[in-house]
């Protein structure tokens, strides 16, 4: 197995036959986990050819779990999330057509870490591209550990101990921090709009620390998700907005991002506690289909803003 570092971060894994059920036995799985901790994202080119292989590789990094947003899980296997854009099809409950910097895109997603709107933060995710887009359709990744290291020491000290309130924001254009000012919706989908109202009610506001420590290395991480971020707890609105704008602009600097142009059977696994990601989307007439697993895990630092609003099972966990 060869681990080849990428720029500006991440690594490509070469020489592992993921179609072989025994290829991940022994020291290979541990070597992959070690590389994941070191590099944040791992790329496997043209390497993942089946759902079985996808699930085997996911389990190297942790147990798969269904997405909390159930409408995007595969009906035949809830552990696989379906990410599909069919040409000229606006019928999906998840569809919206955006305009960003003058270009129209379906499937556009701003910078975020997964499930920031929940109290438990999943460990990671593995995305496999089955039908890559013929045009655009890239996925971007940024290392929030590197972003923290780039902060001025005075700002590092200023944000120590601060917490951010998150609340589900399905409307991309409603996100205020680290999102392009040119973003607008050019075609609304009533089914999607109704679903977003339901999901906002399903996920009460939660709180997460602004800075965390990577357990394995002690590295500090700027733990900010521009998507779903509302305010800094205990700070005036004006001061909170100013600081979140400054931090989000710093974090989402595209000069430090890795953007992957997908080919068939490419796969990337990312550390959701350390990285943020985005999707550039595709033109409305372009086809794209991928599948994703979500890897279970929780860093035990999130909580509900109002513990009484936690779902019953979560409430019991908080009371333990």
Protein backbone atom coordinates (compact mmCIF):
# COMPACT_ATOMS: atom_id res chain seq x y z
CA UNK A 1 0.00 0.00 0.00
CA UNK A 2 1.29 3.44 -0.95
CA UNK A 3 0.12 6.61 0.81
CA UNK A 4 0.82 9.55 -1.52
CA UNK A 5 0.25 13.01 0.01
CA UNK A 6 -1.85 15.47 -2.00
CA UNK A 7 -1.81 19.27 -2.08
CA UNK A 8 -2.83 21.24 -0.06
CA UNK A 9 -3.75 18.30 2.17
CA UNK A 10 -5.07 14.73 2.08
CA UNK A 11 -3.56 11.58 0.63
CA UNK A 12 -4.19 9.16 -2.22
CA UNK A 13 -4.16 5.45 -1.38
CA UNK A 14 -2.61 3.23 -4.05
CA UNK A 15 -2.25 -0.54 -4.28
CA UNK A 16 -5.24 -1.84 -2.28
CA UNK A 17 -7.67 -4.09 -4.20
CA UNK A 18 -10.96 -3.08 -2.58
CA UNK A 19 -12.89 -5.69 -4.58
CA UNK A 20 -11.04 -8.41 -2.61
CA UNK A 21 -12.93 -9.09 0.65
CA UNK A 22 -9.63 -10.00 2.33
CA UNK A 23 -7.67 -6.95 1.20
CA UNK A 24 -8.46 -4.97 4.36
CA UNK A 25 -7.43 -7.69 6.79
CA UNK A 26 -4.53 -7.47 9.18
CA UNK A 27 -2.42 -4.35 9.22
CA UNK A 28 -3.98 -2.75 6.13
CA UNK A 29 -7.06 -1.51 7.97
CA UNK A 30 -4.95 -0.01 10.77
CA UNK A 31 -2.62 1.62 8.24
CA UNK A 32 -5.63 3.22 6.56
CA UNK A 33 -6.94 4.52 9.88
CA UNK A 34 -3.52 5.94 10.71
CA UNK A 35 -3.33 7.66 7.31
CA UNK A 36 -6.83 9.08 7.85
CA UNK A 37 -5.82 10.62 11.18
CA UNK A 38 -2.67 12.08 9.62
CA UNK A 39 -4.16 13.45 6.40
CA UNK A 40 -7.87 14.14 7.05
CA UNK A 41 -9.13 12.83 3.69
CA UNK A 42 -8.16 9.70 1.73
CA UNK A 43 -8.71 9.28 -2.01
CA UNK A 44 -9.11 5.92 -3.76
CA UNK A 45 -9.03 6.36 -7.56
CA UNK A 46 -11.11 4.00 -9.76
CA UNK A 47 -11.08 1.61 -6.81
CA UNK A 48 -14.61 1.09 -5.49
CA UNK A 49 -16.93 -0.91 -7.76
CA UNK A 50 -19.79 -2.23 -5.63
CA UNK A 51 -22.03 -1.50 -2.67
CA UNK A 52 -20.49 -4.42 -0.77
CA UNK A 53 -16.98 -3.04 -1.24
CA UNK A 54 -18.23 0.42 -0.27
CA UNK A 55 -19.63 -0.88 3.03
CA UNK A 56 -16.49 -2.97 3.75
CA UNK A 57 -14.26 0.07 3.33
CA UNK A 58 -16.58 2.22 5.45
CA UNK A 59 -16.31 -0.24 8.33
CA UNK A 60 -12.53 0.24 8.42
CA UNK A 61 -13.23 3.71 9.84
CA UNK A 62 -16.34 2.92 11.92
CA UNK A 63 -19.85 1.55 11.75
CA UNK A 64 -22.10 2.97 9.01
CA UNK A 65 -25.37 4.58 10.05
CA UNK A 66 -28.37 5.88 8.10
CA UNK A 67 -28.47 9.62 7.52
CA UNK A 68 -30.68 11.55 9.92
CA UNK A 69 -32.19 13.19 6.83
CA UNK A 70 -34.10 10.04 5.90
CA UNK A 71 -35.42 11.22 2.54
CA UNK A 72 -31.99 10.81 0.93
CA UNK A 73 -31.33 7.24 2.10
CA UNK A 74 -31.60 4.40 -0.43
CA UNK A 75 -34.89 2.52 0.00
CA UNK A 76 -33.11 -0.82 -0.55
CA UNK A 77 -30.31 -0.08 1.94
CA UNK A 78 -30.71 2.77 4.46
CA UNK A 79 -26.97 2.78 5.15
CA UNK A 80 -26.36 4.17 1.65
CA UNK A 81 -27.25 7.77 0.92
CA UNK A 82 -28.30 8.50 -2.67
CA UNK A 83 -26.87 11.65 -4.26
CA UNK A 84 -28.44 11.99 -7.69
CA UNK A 85 -29.19 14.73 -10.19
CA UNK A 86 -31.16 13.59 -13.22
CA UNK A 87 -31.01 15.85 -16.28
CA UNK A 88 -33.82 18.44 -16.43
CA UNK A 89 -35.63 16.73 -13.54
CA UNK A 90 -36.97 19.02 -10.80
CA UNK A 91 -39.34 16.46 -9.26
CA UNK A 92 -37.11 15.37 -6.36
CA UNK A 93 -37.97 16.61 -2.89
CA UNK A 94 -34.34 17.68 -2.55
CA UNK A 95 -34.18 19.67 -5.82
CA UNK A 96 -33.46 23.38 -6.05
CA UNK A 97 -31.80 25.33 -8.84
CA UNK A 98 -29.28 27.92 -7.66
CA UNK A 99 -27.38 30.72 -9.34
CA UNK A 100 -23.86 31.27 -8.03
CA UNK A 101 -21.57 33.88 -9.59
CA UNK A 102 -23.83 33.95 -12.64
CA UNK A 103 -23.83 30.17 -13.18
CA UNK A 104 -26.90 28.00 -12.62
CA UNK A 105 -26.32 24.84 -10.62
CA UNK A 106 -28.35 21.93 -9.25
CA UNK A 107 -26.97 20.13 -6.22
CA UNK A 108 -24.92 23.10 -5.01
CA UNK A 109 -23.95 22.94 -1.32
CA UNK A 110 -22.00 25.50 0.67
CA UNK A 111 -19.16 24.77 3.07
CA UNK A 112 -20.16 22.67 6.09
CA UNK A 113 -19.42 19.71 8.30
CA UNK A 114 -22.06 17.01 8.33
CA UNK A 115 -24.94 17.21 10.78
CA UNK A 116 -23.81 20.39 12.50
CA UNK A 117 -27.48 20.84 13.37
CA UNK A 118 -27.46 17.77 15.66
CA UNK A 119 -25.95 17.33 19.11
CA UNK A 120 -24.03 14.19 18.06
CA UNK A 121 -21.46 14.73 15.32
CA UNK A 122 -20.77 11.80 12.99
CA UNK A 123 -17.17 10.65 12.65
CA UNK A 124 -16.89 10.80 8.90
CA UNK A 125 -18.28 9.79 5.54
CA UNK A 126 -17.29 7.85 2.42
CA UNK A 127 -18.52 9.05 -0.98
CA UNK A 128 -18.32 6.86 -4.09
CA UNK A 129 -19.01 8.36 -7.52
CA UNK A 130 -20.86 5.94 -9.82
CA UNK A 131 -21.82 8.30 -12.66
CA UNK A 132 -19.62 11.39 -12.52
CA UNK A 133 -20.87 14.63 -14.00
CA UNK A 134 -19.74 15.41 -17.53
CA UNK A 135 -19.39 19.03 -16.43
CA UNK A 136 -18.36 20.38 -13.03
CA UNK A 137 -19.76 18.38 -10.08
CA UNK A 138 -16.64 18.77 -7.98
CA UNK A 139 -16.42 18.28 -4.21
CA UNK A 140 -14.23 20.60 -2.17
CA UNK A 141 -12.50 19.91 1.14
CA UNK A 142 -10.73 22.20 3.63
CA UNK A 143 -8.60 21.16 6.59
CA UNK A 144 -9.86 23.03 9.66
CA UNK A 145 -6.72 22.06 11.59
CA UNK A 146 -4.59 23.94 9.07
CA UNK A 147 -7.11 26.80 9.24
CA UNK A 148 -6.67 27.07 13.00
CA UNK A 149 -2.88 27.13 12.62
CA UNK A 150 -3.20 30.03 10.16
CA UNK A 151 -5.10 32.16 12.67
CA UNK A 152 -3.20 34.96 14.39
CA UNK A 153 -2.30 33.91 17.96
CA UNK A 154 -4.39 36.78 19.35
CA UNK A 155 -7.45 35.47 17.52
CA UNK A 156 -6.68 31.91 18.68
CA UNK A 157 -6.75 33.16 22.27
CA UNK A 158 -9.91 35.21 21.67
CA UNK A 159 -11.99 32.27 20.42
CA UNK A 160 -10.82 29.77 23.05
CA UNK A 161 -13.82 28.48 25.00
CA UNK A 162 -16.44 30.07 22.73
CA UNK A 163 -19.47 28.08 21.54
CA UNK A 164 -21.61 28.37 18.40
CA UNK A 165 -25.36 27.88 18.17
CA UNK A 166 -26.50 25.90 15.12
CA UNK A 167 -30.00 25.40 13.76
CA UNK A 168 -31.04 23.48 10.64
CA UNK A 169 -30.92 25.77 7.60
CA UNK A 170 -31.97 23.88 4.51
CA UNK A 171 -32.32 27.06 2.48
CA UNK A 172 -28.78 27.56 1.21
CA UNK A 173 -29.37 31.27 0.62
CA UNK A 174 -30.37 31.72 4.30
CA UNK A 175 -26.86 30.88 5.51
CA UNK A 176 -25.10 34.12 6.35
CA UNK A 177 -21.48 33.20 7.05
CA UNK A 178 -18.97 31.97 4.48
CA UNK A 179 -21.54 31.78 1.68
CA UNK A 180 -21.24 33.73 -1.61
CA UNK A 181 -23.22 36.97 -1.68
CA UNK A 182 -24.22 36.16 -5.28
CA UNK A 183 -26.11 33.00 -4.24
CA UNK A 184 -29.82 32.95 -5.07
CA UNK A 185 -32.52 30.39 -5.81
CA UNK A 186 -33.82 30.68 -9.36
CA UNK A 187 -36.27 27.76 -9.23
CA UNK A 188 -38.10 26.85 -6.05
CA UNK A 189 -39.54 23.42 -5.44
CA UNK A 190 -42.71 23.44 -3.26
CA UNK A 191 -42.06 19.86 -2.10
CA UNK A 192 -38.56 20.80 -1.00
CA UNK A 193 -39.73 23.97 0.72
CA UNK A 194 -42.33 22.02 2.72
CA UNK A 195 -39.77 19.37 3.67
CA UNK A 196 -37.33 22.01 4.92
CA UNK A 197 -39.99 23.45 7.23
CA UNK A 198 -40.59 19.97 8.67
CA UNK A 199 -36.91 19.27 9.19
CA UNK A 200 -36.28 22.62 10.85
CA UNK A 201 -38.90 21.64 13.42
CA UNK A 202 -37.38 18.17 13.81
CA UNK A 203 -33.95 19.53 14.80
CA UNK A 204 -33.96 22.00 17.74
CA UNK A 205 -30.99 24.41 18.11
CA UNK A 206 -27.75 22.85 19.32
CA UNK A 207 -24.44 24.18 20.64
CA UNK A 208 -20.89 23.13 19.69
CA UNK A 209 -17.46 24.43 20.70
CA UNK A 210 -15.70 26.72 18.27
CA UNK A 211 -12.33 25.04 18.88
CA UNK A 212 -11.70 21.35 19.56
CA UNK A 213 -8.60 19.16 19.94
CA UNK A 214 -7.82 16.19 17.71
CA UNK A 215 -7.61 13.32 20.18
CA UNK A 216 -4.88 11.36 18.45
CA UNK A 217 -2.46 14.24 17.79
CA UNK A 218 -3.38 17.15 20.06
CA UNK A 219 -3.80 19.45 17.05
CA UNK A 220 -6.32 22.24 17.48
CA UNK A 221 -9.21 22.51 15.01
CA UNK A 222 -11.34 25.52 14.03
CA UNK A 223 -14.64 23.67 14.46
CA UNK A 224 -16.95 26.00 12.55
CA UNK A 225 -19.58 24.91 10.06
CA UNK A 226 -20.56 27.93 7.94
CA UNK A 227 -23.78 26.13 7.02
CA UNK A 228 -26.31 26.14 9.90
CA UNK A 229 -24.24 28.52 12.10
CA UNK A 230 -26.50 31.11 13.79
CA UNK A 231 -24.57 32.96 16.50
CA UNK A 232 -21.90 32.75 19.18
CA UNK A 233 -23.46 31.90 22.50
CA UNK A 234 -23.42 34.74 25.05
CA UNK A 235 -22.20 37.41 22.59
CA UNK A 236 -24.11 40.42 21.27
CA UNK A 237 -25.57 40.01 17.80
CA UNK A 238 -23.25 42.63 16.32
CA UNK A 239 -20.10 41.17 17.88
CA UNK A 240 -21.17 37.61 17.06
CA UNK A 241 -21.88 38.42 13.42
CA UNK A 242 -18.58 40.24 13.00
CA UNK A 243 -16.55 37.39 14.49
CA UNK A 244 -18.38 34.65 12.56
CA UNK A 245 -17.96 36.55 9.29
CA UNK A 246 -14.22 36.93 9.99
CA UNK A 247 -13.73 33.28 10.93
CA UNK A 248 -15.87 31.89 8.09
CA UNK A 249 -14.04 34.01 5.50
CA UNK A 250 -10.74 32.75 6.87
CA UNK A 251 -11.87 29.12 7.01
CA UNK A 252 -13.38 28.98 3.51
CA UNK A 253 -10.42 30.53 1.69
CA UNK A 254 -10.38 28.48 -1.54
CA UNK A 255 -6.61 28.84 -1.83
CA UNK A 256 -6.33 26.15 0.85
CA UNK A 257 -9.03 23.83 -0.52
CA UNK A 258 -8.69 20.54 -2.35
CA UNK A 259 -11.32 20.26 -5.10
CA UNK A 260 -11.81 16.78 -6.49
CA UNK A 261 -12.89 16.23 -10.10
CA UNK A 262 -14.65 12.89 -9.98
CA UNK A 263 -14.15 9.92 -12.26
CA UNK A 264 -16.12 6.68 -12.23
CA UNK A 265 -15.55 4.54 -9.10
CA UNK A 266 -13.50 7.19 -7.30
CA UNK A 267 -14.06 7.26 -3.54
CA UNK A 268 -13.10 9.72 -0.80
CA UNK A 269 -13.41 9.20 2.94
CA UNK A 270 -13.24 12.35 5.08
CA UNK A 271 -12.82 13.11 8.76
CA UNK A 272 -15.95 15.07 9.70
CA UNK A 273 -14.46 16.30 12.97
CA UNK A 274 -11.53 17.90 11.18
CA UNK A 275 -12.65 18.94 7.69
CA UNK A 276 -15.40 20.90 6.01
CA UNK A 277 -16.63 20.21 2.50
CA UNK A 278 -18.81 21.66 -0.24
CA UNK A 279 -20.31 20.64 -3.60
CA UNK A 280 -20.06 22.87 -6.67
CA UNK A 281 -23.16 21.32 -8.24
CA UNK A 282 -23.87 20.60 -11.89
CA UNK A 283 -25.74 22.33 -14.72
CA UNK A 284 -29.44 21.45 -14.77
CA UNK A 285 -29.07 19.28 -17.88
CA UNK A 286 -26.17 17.19 -16.52
CA UNK A 287 -26.47 13.73 -14.95
CA UNK A 288 -24.64 12.78 -11.73
CA UNK A 289 -25.07 9.84 -9.35
CA UNK A 290 -23.11 8.84 -6.26
CA UNK A 291 -23.63 6.94 -3.04
CA UNK A 292 -22.41 7.81 0.43
CA UNK A 293 -22.09 6.13 3.77
CA UNK A 294 -22.10 8.03 7.04
CA UNK A 295 -19.70 6.75 9.71
CA UNK A 296 -21.01 6.78 13.25
CA UNK A 297 -19.19 8.52 16.08
CA UNK A 298 -19.55 11.42 18.46
CA UNK A 299 -16.93 13.64 20.05
CA UNK A 300 -19.26 14.16 23.08
CA UNK A 301 -18.95 17.96 23.07
CA UNK A 302 -22.26 19.00 21.51
CA UNK A 303 -25.50 19.64 23.38
CA UNK A 304 -28.99 20.99 22.84
CA UNK A 305 -29.40 24.70 23.51
CA UNK A 306 -32.50 23.80 25.49
CA UNK A 307 -32.13 20.29 26.92
CA UNK A 308 -35.92 20.04 27.25
CA UNK A 309 -36.18 20.16 23.44
CA UNK A 310 -34.00 17.09 22.94
CA UNK A 311 -35.76 14.00 21.56
CA UNK A 312 -36.62 11.57 24.33
CA UNK A 313 -33.69 9.22 23.70
CA UNK A 314 -31.28 12.12 23.50
CA UNK A 315 -32.72 13.58 26.68
CA UNK A 316 -31.94 10.37 28.53
CA UNK A 317 -28.35 10.48 27.24
CA UNK A 318 -27.95 14.07 28.43
CA UNK A 319 -29.29 13.15 31.87
CA UNK A 320 -26.89 10.19 32.30
